[in-house]
Amino acid sequence: MITKNVEILNSIRGQLLVAMPHIDDDRFKQSVILMCQHDNEAAMGLVINKVLPHLDLNALRSKLKLKQAFFDGDLPIYAGGPVESGRGFVLHSADQMLPDSLPLGDDMGMSVQVSMINEIAAGTGPCHHRIMLGYAGWDKGQLEAELREGLWFHMSATQEFIFTTPAEGLWERCFVQSGFNAATLSPYPGSA
């Protein structure tokens, strides 16, 4: 999905995209997405707070016929988004980057290499990581239109915030961190 990067003036690449409370689409309700691409051609991100039920590193390793997990075999696998839900991505700290890893700021990267999952299973991977299946994607101009409609807000992303905040409380924590109360927000852009 990631295309040749053509920068746009207000790119939110490397930031968190947070669903507003009035989004009722089950695919994105209360989602927090780390934006991996945002340029003039398309936008792509990984939902980082939706754990896939009944799937952990051991089950994924078994399905992919990878090495036995020595550490964190019960590590959850996340639903990265509704597009290509069988395609794997690893969001990780930048302490270990593969040659094809995509840097996301100074302290994070994204990898699509199965070898990264093997390294995580062996306990030799990056310090922080989330493995996910699928991604969220937008065509040219689609994300900008959704931002204008008030479906999302964006905020800065840090490795510490992403990897130390539990997935089940991450959406609420984004509002607290940004100084908003999700329960009192208007569903109409420009309204209080």
Protein backbone atom coordinates (compact mmCIF):
# COMPACT_ATOMS: atom_id res chain seq x y z
CA MET A 1 0.00 0.00 0.00
CA ILE A 2 2.81 2.44 0.75
CA THR A 3 3.46 4.44 -2.38
CA LYS A 4 6.32 6.67 -3.40
CA ASN A 5 6.27 9.38 -0.75
CA VAL A 6 5.16 12.75 -2.12
CA GLU A 7 5.04 15.07 0.88
CA ILE A 8 2.03 17.25 1.54
CA LEU A 9 2.06 20.43 3.55
CA ASN A 10 0.15 19.16 6.57
CA SER A 11 1.14 15.48 6.62
CA ILE A 12 0.28 13.61 9.80
CA ARG A 13 2.71 10.76 9.09
CA GLY A 14 4.12 9.51 12.39
CA GLN A 15 1.19 10.93 14.38
CA LEU A 16 -1.78 9.26 16.00
CA LEU A 17 -5.16 9.51 14.31
CA VAL A 18 -7.89 9.16 16.95
CA ALA A 19 -11.53 8.33 16.17
CA MET A 20 -14.04 10.83 17.50
CA PRO A 21 -16.76 9.39 19.77
CA HIS A 22 -19.50 9.70 17.14
CA ILE A 23 -17.85 7.32 14.64
CA ASP A 24 -20.22 4.38 14.56
CA ASP A 25 -18.44 2.31 11.90
CA ASP A 26 -17.45 -0.85 13.84
CA ARG A 27 -14.19 -1.07 11.89
CA PHE A 28 -13.01 2.26 13.34
CA LYS A 29 -15.10 2.89 16.46
CA GLN A 30 -12.75 4.03 19.26
CA SER A 31 -9.69 3.35 17.08
CA VAL A 32 -6.25 4.81 17.51
CA ILE A 33 -4.18 4.65 14.32
CA LEU A 34 -0.48 5.32 13.93
CA MET A 35 -0.10 6.99 10.54
CA CYS A 36 2.65 5.36 8.48
CA GLN A 37 2.00 7.25 5.24
CA HIS A 38 0.21 10.48 4.45
CA ASP A 39 1.05 12.18 1.19
CA ASN A 40 -0.62 13.50 -1.96
CA GLU A 41 -1.35 10.00 -3.22
CA ALA A 42 -2.77 8.10 -0.23
CA ALA A 43 -2.76 7.56 3.50
CA MET A 44 -2.03 4.38 5.43
CA GLY A 45 -1.93 3.59 9.12
CA LEU A 46 -2.03 0.81 11.68
CA VAL A 47 -4.76 0.49 14.29
CA ILE A 48 -2.79 -0.03 17.50
CA ASN A 49 -5.52 -0.62 20.09
CA LYS A 50 -7.66 -3.50 18.75
CA VAL A 51 -6.50 -6.91 19.99
CA LEU A 52 -7.57 -9.87 17.87
CA PRO A 53 -9.42 -12.35 20.09
CA HIS A 54 -8.10 -15.91 20.17
CA LEU A 55 -4.85 -15.06 18.37
CA ASP A 56 -1.48 -14.70 20.03
CA LEU A 57 2.15 -15.04 18.96
CA ASN A 58 2.15 -18.82 19.48
CA ALA A 59 -0.95 -19.29 17.32
CA LEU A 60 0.42 -16.97 14.61
CA ARG A 61 3.80 -18.70 14.74
CA SER A 62 2.09 -22.06 14.31
CA LYS A 63 0.01 -20.84 11.34
CA LEU A 64 3.08 -19.37 9.63
CA LYS A 65 5.31 -22.34 10.57
CA LEU A 66 7.82 -20.04 12.29
CA LYS A 67 10.28 -20.74 15.07
CA GLN A 68 8.98 -21.70 18.50
CA ALA A 69 8.38 -18.63 20.67
CA PHE A 70 10.82 -18.68 23.58
CA PHE A 71 9.47 -15.49 25.11
CA ASP A 72 6.06 -13.85 25.15
CA GLY A 73 4.26 -16.67 23.35
CA ASP A 74 0.99 -15.24 24.62
CA LEU A 75 1.79 -11.80 23.13
CA PRO A 76 -1.45 -10.48 21.57
CA ILE A 77 -1.83 -9.88 17.86
CA TYR A 78 -3.65 -6.69 16.84
CA ALA A 79 -6.18 -5.96 14.09
CA GLY A 80 -4.19 -3.32 12.19
CA GLY A 81 -7.16 -2.41 10.02
CA PRO A 82 -9.76 -3.77 7.61
CA VAL A 83 -7.57 -3.74 4.48
CA GLU A 84 -5.64 -6.94 3.65
CA SER A 85 -6.41 -8.48 7.03
CA GLY A 86 -4.10 -11.42 6.32
CA ARG A 87 -1.04 -9.22 5.74
CA GLY A 88 1.31 -8.81 8.68
CA PHE A 89 2.98 -5.68 10.01
CA VAL A 90 5.26 -5.12 12.97
CA LEU A 91 5.29 -1.72 14.64
CA HIS A 92 8.45 -1.54 16.73
CA SER A 93 10.97 0.60 18.53
CA ALA A 94 13.88 1.80 16.42
CA ASP A 95 16.51 -0.06 18.45
CA GLN A 96 16.37 -2.78 15.80
CA MET A 97 15.65 -1.88 12.21
CA LEU A 98 15.80 -4.29 9.28
CA PRO A 99 17.08 -3.04 5.91
CA ASP A 100 13.49 -2.72 4.64
CA SER A 101 12.05 -1.23 7.85
CA LEU A 102 10.22 2.06 7.39
CA PRO A 103 11.28 4.69 9.95
CA LEU A 104 8.36 6.41 11.67
CA GLY A 105 10.04 9.34 13.35
CA ASP A 106 13.20 9.00 15.41
CA ASP A 107 12.15 6.24 17.76
CA MET A 108 9.85 3.85 15.85
CA GLY A 109 9.74 1.79 12.72
CA MET A 110 7.47 -0.55 10.81
CA SER A 111 8.48 -3.83 9.26
CA VAL A 112 6.67 -6.26 7.00
CA GLN A 113 9.38 -8.91 7.19
CA VAL A 114 8.53 -12.33 8.65
CA SER A 115 12.11 -12.40 9.98
CA MET A 116 11.15 -9.63 12.43
CA ILE A 117 8.41 -11.86 13.88
CA ASN A 118 10.97 -14.69 14.17
CA GLU A 119 13.34 -12.39 16.05
CA ILE A 120 10.55 -11.29 18.41
CA ALA A 121 9.59 -14.94 19.02
CA ALA A 122 13.24 -15.78 19.74
CA GLY A 123 13.53 -12.89 22.20
CA THR A 124 16.10 -11.08 20.08
CA GLY A 125 13.78 -8.55 18.44
CA PRO A 126 13.28 -4.88 19.24
CA CYS A 127 12.56 -3.87 22.84
CA HIS A 128 9.01 -2.72 22.03
CA HIS A 129 6.71 -4.15 19.37
CA ARG A 130 3.15 -4.78 18.31
CA ILE A 131 2.35 -7.35 15.66
CA MET A 132 -0.75 -6.69 13.61
CA LEU A 133 -2.70 -8.06 10.69
CA GLY A 134 -4.19 -5.66 8.15
CA TYR A 135 -4.04 -1.90 7.84
CA ALA A 136 -6.24 1.15 7.44
CA GLY A 137 -6.02 2.91 4.09
CA TRP A 138 -7.43 5.98 2.40
CA ASP A 139 -7.40 7.04 -1.24
CA LYS A 140 -6.20 10.42 -2.40
CA GLY A 141 -8.03 13.17 -0.48
CA GLN A 142 -10.25 10.77 1.47
CA LEU A 143 -8.54 11.21 4.84
CA GLU A 144 -8.46 15.00 4.45
CA ALA A 145 -12.23 14.96 3.82
CA GLU A 146 -12.79 12.83 6.94
CA LEU A 147 -10.67 15.22 9.00
CA ARG A 148 -12.73 18.19 7.74
CA GLU A 149 -15.92 16.29 8.66
CA GLY A 150 -14.64 15.97 12.23
CA LEU A 151 -14.41 12.17 12.24
CA TRP A 152 -10.85 12.17 13.60
CA PHE A 153 -8.37 14.27 15.50
CA HIS A 154 -4.63 13.80 15.43
CA MET A 155 -1.95 14.14 18.06
CA SER A 156 1.74 13.52 18.44
CA ALA A 157 2.91 9.95 18.94
CA THR A 158 5.75 8.76 21.12
CA GLN A 159 7.18 5.31 21.50
CA GLU A 160 6.61 5.47 25.25
CA PHE A 161 2.94 6.39 24.90
CA ILE A 162 2.21 3.73 22.27
CA PHE A 163 4.03 0.83 23.86
CA THR A 164 3.35 1.45 27.56
CA THR A 165 -0.35 2.38 27.42
CA PRO A 166 -2.54 -0.74 27.53
CA ALA A 167 -4.53 -1.23 24.32
CA GLU A 168 -7.87 -1.35 26.12
CA GLY A 169 -7.40 2.16 27.56
CA LEU A 170 -5.46 3.79 24.74
CA TRP A 171 -8.41 5.54 23.04
CA GLU A 172 -9.58 7.17 26.29
CA ARG A 173 -5.99 8.07 27.20
CA CYS A 174 -5.58 9.95 23.89
CA PHE A 175 -8.47 12.24 24.85
CA VAL A 176 -7.06 12.81 28.34
CA GLN A 177 -3.59 13.49 26.90
CA SER A 178 -5.09 16.03 24.47
CA GLY A 179 -7.18 17.74 27.15
CA PHE A 180 -10.58 16.61 25.79
CA ASN A 181 -13.49 14.89 27.49
CA ALA A 182 -14.84 12.39 24.95
CA ALA A 183 -18.26 12.35 26.60
CA THR A 184 -18.84 16.08 26.06
CA LEU A 185 -17.59 16.51 22.50
CA SER A 186 -20.03 17.62 19.83
CA PRO A 187 -20.39 15.38 16.76
CA TYR A 188 -20.48 18.49 14.55
CA PRO A 189 -17.23 20.12 13.40
CA GLY A 190 -16.83 23.68 14.60
CA SER A 191 -19.40 23.21 17.37
CA ALA A 192 -18.99 23.12 21.12
